[in-house]
mmCIF file of all heavy atoms, coordinates in Angstrom:
data_MODEL
# 
_entry.id   MODEL 
# 
loop_
_atom_site.group_PDB 
_atom_site.id 
_atom_site.type_symbol 
_atom_site.label_atom_id 
_atom_site.label_alt_id 
_atom_site.label_comp_id 
_atom_site.label_asym_id 
_atom_site.label_entity_id 
_atom_site.label_seq_id 
_atom_site.pdbx_PDB_ins_code 
_atom_site.Cartn_x 
_atom_site.Cartn_y 
_atom_site.Cartn_z 
_atom_site.occupancy 
_atom_site.B_iso_or_equiv 
_atom_site.pdbx_formal_charge 
_atom_site.auth_seq_id 
_atom_site.auth_comp_id 
_atom_site.auth_asym_id 
_atom_site.auth_atom_id 
_atom_site.pdbx_PDB_model_num 
ATOM 1   N N   . THR A 1 1  ? 132.032 116.415 138.986 1.00 0.00 ? 1  THR A N   1 
ATOM 2   C CA  . THR A 1 1  ? 132.173 117.502 139.965 1.00 0.00 ? 1  THR A CA  1 
ATOM 3   C C   . THR A 1 1  ? 133.644 117.644 140.405 1.00 0.00 ? 1  THR A C   1 
ATOM 4   O O   . THR A 1 1  ? 134.163 118.797 140.470 1.00 0.00 ? 1  THR A O   1 
ATOM 5   C CB  . THR A 1 1  ? 131.301 117.335 141.042 1.00 0.00 ? 1  THR A CB  1 
ATOM 6   O OG1 . THR A 1 1  ? 129.907 117.153 140.710 1.00 0.00 ? 1  THR A OG1 1 
ATOM 7   C CG2 . THR A 1 1  ? 131.321 118.493 142.093 1.00 0.00 ? 1  THR A CG2 1 
ATOM 8   N N   . ALA A 1 2  ? 134.223 116.574 140.730 1.00 0.00 ? 2  ALA A N   1 
ATOM 9   C CA  . ALA A 1 2  ? 135.613 116.558 141.286 1.00 0.00 ? 2  ALA A CA  1 
ATOM 10  C C   . ALA A 1 2  ? 136.618 117.147 140.194 1.00 0.00 ? 2  ALA A C   1 
ATOM 11  O O   . ALA A 1 2  ? 137.563 117.875 140.510 1.00 0.00 ? 2  ALA A O   1 
ATOM 12  C CB  . ALA A 1 2  ? 136.100 115.157 141.730 1.00 0.00 ? 2  ALA A CB  1 
ATOM 13  N N   . VAL A 1 3  ? 136.349 116.816 138.997 1.00 0.00 ? 3  VAL A N   1 
ATOM 14  C CA  . VAL A 1 3  ? 137.212 117.275 137.902 1.00 0.00 ? 3  VAL A CA  1 
ATOM 15  C C   . VAL A 1 3  ? 137.051 118.692 137.549 1.00 0.00 ? 3  VAL A C   1 
ATOM 16  O O   . VAL A 1 3  ? 137.898 119.611 137.446 1.00 0.00 ? 3  VAL A O   1 
ATOM 17  C CB  . VAL A 1 3  ? 137.093 116.361 136.652 1.00 0.00 ? 3  VAL A CB  1 
ATOM 18  C CG1 . VAL A 1 3  ? 137.807 116.974 135.546 1.00 0.00 ? 3  VAL A CG1 1 
ATOM 19  C CG2 . VAL A 1 3  ? 137.492 114.871 136.889 1.00 0.00 ? 3  VAL A CG2 1 
ATOM 20  N N   . SER A 1 4  ? 135.751 119.021 137.388 1.00 0.00 ? 4  SER A N   1 
ATOM 21  C CA  . SER A 1 4  ? 135.306 120.431 137.045 1.00 0.00 ? 4  SER A CA  1 
ATOM 22  C C   . SER A 1 4  ? 135.684 121.436 138.054 1.00 0.00 ? 4  SER A C   1 
ATOM 23  O O   . SER A 1 4  ? 135.978 122.694 137.722 1.00 0.00 ? 4  SER A O   1 
ATOM 24  C CB  . SER A 1 4  ? 133.847 120.430 136.593 1.00 0.00 ? 4  SER A CB  1 
ATOM 25  O OG  . SER A 1 4  ? 133.107 120.176 137.646 1.00 0.00 ? 4  SER A OG  1 
ATOM 26  N N   . ILE A 1 5  ? 135.565 121.004 139.408 1.00 0.00 ? 5  ILE A N   1 
ATOM 27  C CA  . ILE A 1 5  ? 135.794 122.022 140.516 1.00 0.00 ? 5  ILE A CA  1 
ATOM 28  C C   . ILE A 1 5  ? 137.297 122.413 140.542 1.00 0.00 ? 5  ILE A C   1 
ATOM 29  O O   . ILE A 1 5  ? 137.624 123.404 141.206 1.00 0.00 ? 5  ILE A O   1 
ATOM 30  C CB  . ILE A 1 5  ? 135.267 121.400 141.801 1.00 0.00 ? 5  ILE A CB  1 
ATOM 31  C CG1 . ILE A 1 5  ? 135.016 122.596 142.843 1.00 0.00 ? 5  ILE A CG1 1 
ATOM 32  C CG2 . ILE A 1 5  ? 136.337 120.512 142.430 1.00 0.00 ? 5  ILE A CG2 1 
ATOM 33  C CD1 . ILE A 1 5  ? 133.913 123.393 142.464 1.00 0.00 ? 5  ILE A CD1 1 
ATOM 34  N N   . GLN A 1 6  ? 138.124 121.604 139.987 1.00 0.00 ? 6  GLN A N   1 
ATOM 35  C CA  . GLN A 1 6  ? 139.620 121.883 140.031 1.00 0.00 ? 6  GLN A CA  1 
ATOM 36  C C   . GLN A 1 6  ? 139.867 123.206 139.272 1.00 0.00 ? 6  GLN A C   1 
ATOM 37  O O   . GLN A 1 6  ? 140.819 123.925 139.683 1.00 0.00 ? 6  GLN A O   1 
ATOM 38  C CB  . GLN A 1 6  ? 140.361 120.738 139.511 1.00 0.00 ? 6  GLN A CB  1 
ATOM 39  C CG  . GLN A 1 6  ? 140.220 119.447 140.281 1.00 0.00 ? 6  GLN A CG  1 
ATOM 40  C CD  . GLN A 1 6  ? 140.714 119.600 141.731 1.00 0.00 ? 6  GLN A CD  1 
ATOM 41  O OE1 . GLN A 1 6  ? 141.818 120.318 142.014 1.00 0.00 ? 6  GLN A OE1 1 
ATOM 42  N NE2 . GLN A 1 6  ? 140.061 119.160 142.633 1.00 0.00 ? 6  GLN A NE2 1 
ATOM 43  N N   . LEU A 1 7  ? 139.189 123.433 138.214 1.00 0.00 ? 7  LEU A N   1 
ATOM 44  C CA  . LEU A 1 7  ? 139.437 124.598 137.397 1.00 0.00 ? 7  LEU A CA  1 
ATOM 45  C C   . LEU A 1 7  ? 139.225 125.956 138.172 1.00 0.00 ? 7  LEU A C   1 
ATOM 46  O O   . LEU A 1 7  ? 140.064 126.802 138.226 1.00 0.00 ? 7  LEU A O   1 
ATOM 47  C CB  . LEU A 1 7  ? 138.617 124.615 136.129 1.00 0.00 ? 7  LEU A CB  1 
ATOM 48  C CG  . LEU A 1 7  ? 138.993 123.448 135.137 1.00 0.00 ? 7  LEU A CG  1 
ATOM 49  C CD1 . LEU A 1 7  ? 138.023 123.518 133.944 1.00 0.00 ? 7  LEU A CD1 1 
ATOM 50  C CD2 . LEU A 1 7  ? 140.434 123.556 134.704 1.00 0.00 ? 7  LEU A CD2 1 
ATOM 51  N N   . PRO A 1 8  ? 138.022 126.096 138.888 1.00 0.00 ? 8  PRO A N   1 
ATOM 52  C CA  . PRO A 1 8  ? 137.844 127.345 139.594 1.00 0.00 ? 8  PRO A CA  1 
ATOM 53  C C   . PRO A 1 8  ? 138.855 127.505 140.829 1.00 0.00 ? 8  PRO A C   1 
ATOM 54  O O   . PRO A 1 8  ? 139.074 128.596 141.290 1.00 0.00 ? 8  PRO A O   1 
ATOM 55  C CB  . PRO A 1 8  ? 136.433 127.303 140.089 1.00 0.00 ? 8  PRO A CB  1 
ATOM 56  C CG  . PRO A 1 8  ? 135.750 126.282 139.199 1.00 0.00 ? 8  PRO A CG  1 
ATOM 57  C CD  . PRO A 1 8  ? 136.819 125.289 138.810 1.00 0.00 ? 8  PRO A CD  1 
ATOM 58  N N   . MET A 1 9  ? 139.207 126.230 141.348 1.00 0.00 ? 9  MET A N   1 
ATOM 59  C CA  . MET A 1 9  ? 140.084 126.216 142.513 1.00 0.00 ? 9  MET A CA  1 
ATOM 60  C C   . MET A 1 9  ? 141.589 126.480 142.203 1.00 0.00 ? 9  MET A C   1 
ATOM 61  O O   . MET A 1 9  ? 142.294 126.799 143.077 1.00 0.00 ? 9  MET A O   1 
ATOM 62  C CB  . MET A 1 9  ? 139.962 124.838 143.235 1.00 0.00 ? 9  MET A CB  1 
ATOM 63  C CG  . MET A 1 9  ? 138.659 124.623 143.867 1.00 0.00 ? 9  MET A CG  1 
ATOM 64  S SD  . MET A 1 9  ? 138.378 125.847 145.223 1.00 0.00 ? 9  MET A SD  1 
ATOM 65  C CE  . MET A 1 9  ? 139.660 125.395 146.310 1.00 0.00 ? 9  MET A CE  1 
ATOM 66  N N   . LEU A 1 10 ? 141.940 126.452 140.956 1.00 0.00 ? 10 LEU A N   1 
ATOM 67  C CA  . LEU A 1 10 ? 143.313 126.732 140.637 1.00 0.00 ? 10 LEU A CA  1 
ATOM 68  C C   . LEU A 1 10 ? 143.808 128.077 141.032 1.00 0.00 ? 10 LEU A C   1 
ATOM 69  O O   . LEU A 1 10 ? 144.881 128.254 141.693 1.00 0.00 ? 10 LEU A O   1 
ATOM 70  C CB  . LEU A 1 10 ? 143.509 126.617 139.130 1.00 0.00 ? 10 LEU A CB  1 
ATOM 71  C CG  . LEU A 1 10 ? 143.638 125.051 138.562 1.00 0.00 ? 10 LEU A CG  1 
ATOM 72  C CD1 . LEU A 1 10 ? 143.705 125.088 137.084 1.00 0.00 ? 10 LEU A CD1 1 
ATOM 73  C CD2 . LEU A 1 10 ? 144.710 124.291 139.281 1.00 0.00 ? 10 LEU A CD2 1 
ATOM 74  N N   . PRO A 1 11 ? 143.163 129.151 140.643 1.00 0.00 ? 11 PRO A N   1 
ATOM 75  C CA  . PRO A 1 11 ? 143.501 130.574 141.181 1.00 0.00 ? 11 PRO A CA  1 
ATOM 76  C C   . PRO A 1 11 ? 143.509 130.690 142.768 1.00 0.00 ? 11 PRO A C   1 
ATOM 77  O O   . PRO A 1 11 ? 144.299 131.380 143.317 1.00 0.00 ? 11 PRO A O   1 
ATOM 78  C CB  . PRO A 1 11 ? 142.535 131.504 140.604 1.00 0.00 ? 11 PRO A CB  1 
ATOM 79  C CG  . PRO A 1 11 ? 141.324 130.694 140.211 1.00 0.00 ? 11 PRO A CG  1 
ATOM 80  C CD  . PRO A 1 11 ? 141.832 129.242 139.826 1.00 0.00 ? 11 PRO A CD  1 
ATOM 81  N N   . VAL A 1 12 ? 142.536 129.901 143.403 1.00 0.00 ? 12 VAL A N   1 
ATOM 82  C CA  . VAL A 1 12 ? 142.443 129.934 144.792 1.00 0.00 ? 12 VAL A CA  1 
ATOM 83  C C   . VAL A 1 12 ? 143.737 129.258 145.427 1.00 0.00 ? 12 VAL A C   1 
ATOM 84  O O   . VAL A 1 12 ? 144.341 129.820 146.406 1.00 0.00 ? 12 VAL A O   1 
ATOM 85  C CB  . VAL A 1 12 ? 141.216 129.221 145.363 1.00 0.00 ? 12 VAL A CB  1 
ATOM 86  C CG1 . VAL A 1 12 ? 141.150 129.188 146.864 1.00 0.00 ? 12 VAL A CG1 1 
ATOM 87  C CG2 . VAL A 1 12 ? 139.900 129.897 144.799 1.00 0.00 ? 12 VAL A CG2 1 
ATOM 88  N N   . LYS A 1 13 ? 144.137 128.124 144.863 1.00 0.00 ? 13 LYS A N   1 
ATOM 89  C CA  . LYS A 1 13 ? 145.365 127.508 145.341 1.00 0.00 ? 13 LYS A CA  1 
ATOM 90  C C   . LYS A 1 13 ? 146.654 128.387 145.126 1.00 0.00 ? 13 LYS A C   1 
ATOM 91  O O   . LYS A 1 13 ? 147.473 128.422 145.917 1.00 0.00 ? 13 LYS A O   1 
ATOM 92  C CB  . LYS A 1 13 ? 145.458 126.122 144.674 1.00 0.00 ? 13 LYS A CB  1 
ATOM 93  C CG  . LYS A 1 13 ? 144.500 125.114 145.070 1.00 0.00 ? 13 LYS A CG  1 
ATOM 94  C CD  . LYS A 1 13 ? 144.720 123.855 144.249 1.00 0.00 ? 13 LYS A CD  1 
ATOM 95  C CE  . LYS A 1 13 ? 143.686 122.785 144.716 1.00 0.00 ? 13 LYS A CE  1 
ATOM 96  N NZ  . LYS A 1 13 ? 143.834 121.580 143.959 1.00 0.00 ? 13 LYS A NZ  1 
ATOM 97  N N   . LYS A 1 14 ? 146.602 129.056 143.889 1.00 0.00 ? 14 LYS A N   1 
ATOM 98  C CA  . LYS A 1 14 ? 147.651 129.917 143.619 1.00 0.00 ? 14 LYS A CA  1 
ATOM 99  C C   . LYS A 1 14 ? 147.741 131.103 144.579 1.00 0.00 ? 14 LYS A C   1 
ATOM 100 O O   . LYS A 1 14 ? 148.794 131.472 145.023 1.00 0.00 ? 14 LYS A O   1 
ATOM 101 C CB  . LYS A 1 14 ? 147.587 130.492 142.172 1.00 0.00 ? 14 LYS A CB  1 
ATOM 102 C CG  . LYS A 1 14 ? 148.708 131.202 141.657 1.00 0.00 ? 14 LYS A CG  1 
ATOM 103 C CD  . LYS A 1 14 ? 148.546 131.661 140.175 1.00 0.00 ? 14 LYS A CD  1 
ATOM 104 C CE  . LYS A 1 14 ? 149.694 132.405 139.636 1.00 0.00 ? 14 LYS A CE  1 
ATOM 105 N NZ  . LYS A 1 14 ? 149.580 132.730 138.257 1.00 0.00 ? 14 LYS A NZ  1 
ATOM 106 N N   . LEU A 1 15 ? 146.652 131.622 144.973 1.00 0.00 ? 15 LEU A N   1 
ATOM 107 C CA  . LEU A 1 15 ? 146.498 132.712 145.875 1.00 0.00 ? 15 LEU A CA  1 
ATOM 108 C C   . LEU A 1 15 ? 147.004 132.264 147.302 1.00 0.00 ? 15 LEU A C   1 
ATOM 109 O O   . LEU A 1 15 ? 147.727 133.026 147.948 1.00 0.00 ? 15 LEU A O   1 
ATOM 110 C CB  . LEU A 1 15 ? 145.051 133.157 145.942 1.00 0.00 ? 15 LEU A CB  1 
ATOM 111 C CG  . LEU A 1 15 ? 144.812 134.363 147.053 1.00 0.00 ? 15 LEU A CG  1 
ATOM 112 C CD1 . LEU A 1 15 ? 145.622 135.596 146.594 1.00 0.00 ? 15 LEU A CD1 1 
ATOM 113 C CD2 . LEU A 1 15 ? 143.232 134.683 147.101 1.00 0.00 ? 15 LEU A CD2 1 
ATOM 114 N N   . ILE A 1 16 ? 146.637 130.971 147.648 1.00 0.00 ? 16 ILE A N   1 
ATOM 115 C CA  . ILE A 1 16 ? 147.081 130.493 148.975 1.00 0.00 ? 16 ILE A CA  1 
ATOM 116 C C   . ILE A 1 16 ? 148.538 130.397 149.017 1.00 0.00 ? 16 ILE A C   1 
ATOM 117 O O   . ILE A 1 16 ? 149.243 130.750 149.915 1.00 0.00 ? 16 ILE A O   1 
ATOM 118 C CB  . ILE A 1 16 ? 146.440 129.188 149.272 1.00 0.00 ? 16 ILE A CB  1 
ATOM 119 C CG1 . ILE A 1 16 ? 144.836 129.376 149.491 1.00 0.00 ? 16 ILE A CG1 1 
ATOM 120 C CG2 . ILE A 1 16 ? 146.974 128.436 150.434 1.00 0.00 ? 16 ILE A CG2 1 
ATOM 121 C CD1 . ILE A 1 16 ? 144.011 128.156 149.645 1.00 0.00 ? 16 ILE A CD1 1 
ATOM 122 N N   . ARG A 1 17 ? 149.112 129.890 147.895 1.00 0.00 ? 17 ARG A N   1 
ATOM 123 C CA  . ARG A 1 17 ? 150.634 129.783 147.863 1.00 0.00 ? 17 ARG A CA  1 
ATOM 124 C C   . ARG A 1 17 ? 151.281 131.146 147.912 1.00 0.00 ? 17 ARG A C   1 
ATOM 125 O O   . ARG A 1 17 ? 152.278 131.327 148.611 1.00 0.00 ? 17 ARG A O   1 
ATOM 126 C CB  . ARG A 1 17 ? 150.971 129.077 146.507 1.00 0.00 ? 17 ARG A CB  1 
ATOM 127 C CG  . ARG A 1 17 ? 150.812 127.568 146.565 1.00 0.00 ? 17 ARG A CG  1 
ATOM 128 C CD  . ARG A 1 17 ? 151.523 126.896 145.403 1.00 0.00 ? 17 ARG A CD  1 
ATOM 129 N NE  . ARG A 1 17 ? 151.094 127.378 143.993 1.00 0.00 ? 17 ARG A NE  1 
ATOM 130 C CZ  . ARG A 1 17 ? 150.172 126.889 143.329 1.00 0.00 ? 17 ARG A CZ  1 
ATOM 131 N NH1 . ARG A 1 17 ? 149.459 125.867 143.736 1.00 0.00 ? 17 ARG A NH1 1 
ATOM 132 N NH2 . ARG A 1 17 ? 149.826 127.389 142.155 1.00 0.00 ? 17 ARG A NH2 1 
ATOM 133 N N   . GLY A 1 18 ? 150.667 132.192 147.239 1.00 0.00 ? 18 GLY A N   1 
ATOM 134 C CA  . GLY A 1 18 ? 151.218 133.472 147.312 1.00 0.00 ? 18 GLY A CA  1 
ATOM 135 C C   . GLY A 1 18 ? 151.205 134.061 148.693 1.00 0.00 ? 18 GLY A C   1 
ATOM 136 O O   . GLY A 1 18 ? 152.147 134.679 149.176 1.00 0.00 ? 18 GLY A O   1 
ATOM 137 N N   . MET A 1 19 ? 149.972 133.875 149.417 1.00 0.00 ? 19 MET A N   1 
ATOM 138 C CA  . MET A 1 19 ? 149.907 134.370 150.730 1.00 0.00 ? 19 MET A CA  1 
ATOM 139 C C   . MET A 1 19 ? 150.752 133.625 151.752 1.00 0.00 ? 19 MET A C   1 
ATOM 140 O O   . MET A 1 19 ? 151.352 134.394 152.539 1.00 0.00 ? 19 MET A O   1 
ATOM 141 C CB  . MET A 1 19 ? 148.480 134.210 151.235 1.00 0.00 ? 19 MET A CB  1 
ATOM 142 C CG  . MET A 1 19 ? 147.408 134.823 150.517 1.00 0.00 ? 19 MET A CG  1 
ATOM 143 S SD  . MET A 1 19 ? 147.455 136.682 150.627 1.00 0.00 ? 19 MET A SD  1 
ATOM 144 C CE  . MET A 1 19 ? 146.939 136.855 152.269 1.00 0.00 ? 19 MET A CE  1 
ATOM 145 N N   . THR A 1 20 ? 151.171 132.297 151.425 1.00 0.00 ? 20 THR A N   1 
ATOM 146 C CA  . THR A 1 20 ? 152.123 131.679 152.251 1.00 0.00 ? 20 THR A CA  1 
ATOM 147 C C   . THR A 1 20 ? 153.461 132.291 152.037 1.00 0.00 ? 20 THR A C   1 
ATOM 148 O O   . THR A 1 20 ? 154.198 132.394 153.007 1.00 0.00 ? 20 THR A O   1 
ATOM 149 C CB  . THR A 1 20 ? 152.091 130.195 151.947 1.00 0.00 ? 20 THR A CB  1 
ATOM 150 O OG1 . THR A 1 20 ? 150.766 129.627 152.116 1.00 0.00 ? 20 THR A OG1 1 
ATOM 151 C CG2 . THR A 1 20 ? 153.006 129.414 152.768 1.00 0.00 ? 20 THR A CG2 1 
ATOM 152 N N   . GLN A 1 21 ? 153.729 132.585 150.838 1.00 0.00 ? 21 GLN A N   1 
ATOM 153 C CA  . GLN A 1 21 ? 155.092 133.187 150.583 1.00 0.00 ? 21 GLN A CA  1 
ATOM 154 C C   . GLN A 1 21 ? 155.209 134.568 151.295 1.00 0.00 ? 21 GLN A C   1 
ATOM 155 O O   . GLN A 1 21 ? 156.189 134.828 151.830 1.00 0.00 ? 21 GLN A O   1 
ATOM 156 C CB  . GLN A 1 21 ? 155.244 133.375 148.965 1.00 0.00 ? 21 GLN A CB  1 
ATOM 157 C CG  . GLN A 1 21 ? 155.486 132.090 148.249 1.00 0.00 ? 21 GLN A CG  1 
ATOM 158 C CD  . GLN A 1 21 ? 156.762 131.441 148.550 1.00 0.00 ? 21 GLN A CD  1 
ATOM 159 O OE1 . GLN A 1 21 ? 156.919 130.674 149.453 1.00 0.00 ? 21 GLN A OE1 1 
ATOM 160 N NE2 . GLN A 1 21 ? 157.935 131.832 147.802 1.00 0.00 ? 21 GLN A NE2 1 
ATOM 161 N N   . LEU A 1 22 ? 154.123 135.369 151.209 1.00 0.00 ? 22 LEU A N   1 
ATOM 162 C CA  . LEU A 1 22 ? 154.218 136.600 151.942 1.00 0.00 ? 22 LEU A CA  1 
ATOM 163 C C   . LEU A 1 22 ? 154.363 136.409 153.478 1.00 0.00 ? 22 LEU A C   1 
ATOM 164 O O   . LEU A 1 22 ? 155.066 137.131 154.110 1.00 0.00 ? 22 LEU A O   1 
ATOM 165 C CB  . LEU A 1 22 ? 152.902 137.458 151.644 1.00 0.00 ? 22 LEU A CB  1 
ATOM 166 C CG  . LEU A 1 22 ? 152.649 137.968 150.266 1.00 0.00 ? 22 LEU A CG  1 
ATOM 167 C CD1 . LEU A 1 22 ? 151.432 138.917 150.245 1.00 0.00 ? 22 LEU A CD1 1 
ATOM 168 C CD2 . LEU A 1 22 ? 153.832 138.876 149.846 1.00 0.00 ? 22 LEU A CD2 1 
ATOM 169 N N   . ALA A 1 23 ? 153.626 135.430 154.001 1.00 0.00 ? 23 ALA A N   1 
ATOM 170 C CA  . ALA A 1 23 ? 153.761 135.144 155.411 1.00 0.00 ? 23 ALA A CA  1 
ATOM 171 C C   . ALA A 1 23 ? 155.109 134.696 155.806 1.00 0.00 ? 23 ALA A C   1 
ATOM 172 O O   . ALA A 1 23 ? 155.595 134.986 156.945 1.00 0.00 ? 23 ALA A O   1 
ATOM 173 C CB  . ALA A 1 23 ? 152.725 134.077 155.794 1.00 0.00 ? 23 ALA A CB  1 
ATOM 174 N N   . ASN A 1 24 ? 155.923 134.136 154.893 1.00 0.00 ? 24 ASN A N   1 
ATOM 175 C CA  . ASN A 1 24 ? 157.291 133.686 155.145 1.00 0.00 ? 24 ASN A CA  1 
ATOM 176 C C   . ASN A 1 24 ? 158.281 134.807 154.844 1.00 0.00 ? 24 ASN A C   1 
ATOM 177 O O   . ASN A 1 24 ? 159.482 134.562 154.959 1.00 0.00 ? 24 ASN A O   1 
ATOM 178 C CB  . ASN A 1 24 ? 157.606 132.446 154.280 1.00 0.00 ? 24 ASN A CB  1 
ATOM 179 C CG  . ASN A 1 24 ? 156.808 131.233 154.704 1.00 0.00 ? 24 ASN A CG  1 
ATOM 180 O OD1 . ASN A 1 24 ? 156.479 131.166 155.911 1.00 0.00 ? 24 ASN A OD1 1 
ATOM 181 N ND2 . ASN A 1 24 ? 156.639 130.374 153.847 1.00 0.00 ? 24 ASN A ND2 1 
ATOM 182 N N   . GLY A 1 25 ? 157.863 135.958 154.452 1.00 0.00 ? 25 GLY A N   1 
ATOM 183 C CA  . GLY A 1 25 ? 158.736 137.085 154.282 1.00 0.00 ? 25 GLY A CA  1 
ATOM 184 C C   . GLY A 1 25 ? 159.247 137.310 152.890 1.00 0.00 ? 25 GLY A C   1 
ATOM 185 O O   . GLY A 1 25 ? 160.057 138.238 152.656 1.00 0.00 ? 25 GLY A O   1 
ATOM 186 N N   . HIS A 1 26 ? 158.670 136.639 151.899 1.00 0.00 ? 26 HIS A N   1 
ATOM 187 C CA  . HIS A 1 26 ? 159.023 136.744 150.570 1.00 0.00 ? 26 HIS A CA  1 
ATOM 188 C C   . HIS A 1 26 ? 158.122 137.757 149.871 1.00 0.00 ? 26 HIS A C   1 
ATOM 189 O O   . HIS A 1 26 ? 157.256 137.442 149.088 1.00 0.00 ? 26 HIS A O   1 
ATOM 190 C CB  . HIS A 1 26 ? 159.006 135.467 149.799 1.00 0.00 ? 26 HIS A CB  1 
ATOM 191 C CG  . HIS A 1 26 ? 159.811 134.389 150.329 1.00 0.00 ? 26 HIS A CG  1 
ATOM 192 N ND1 . HIS A 1 26 ? 161.210 134.370 150.223 1.00 0.00 ? 26 HIS A ND1 1 
ATOM 193 C CD2 . HIS A 1 26 ? 159.470 133.299 151.048 1.00 0.00 ? 26 HIS A CD2 1 
ATOM 194 C CE1 . HIS A 1 26 ? 161.735 133.262 150.732 1.00 0.00 ? 26 HIS A CE1 1 
ATOM 195 N NE2 . HIS A 1 26 ? 160.724 132.650 151.303 1.00 0.00 ? 26 HIS A NE2 1 
# 
């Protein structure tokens, strides 16, 4: 479960990083 759940979470983590960039003015 821990290994397989990482695959669906990759785009979520990428989205969170992108939202953080937007919040910082980028």
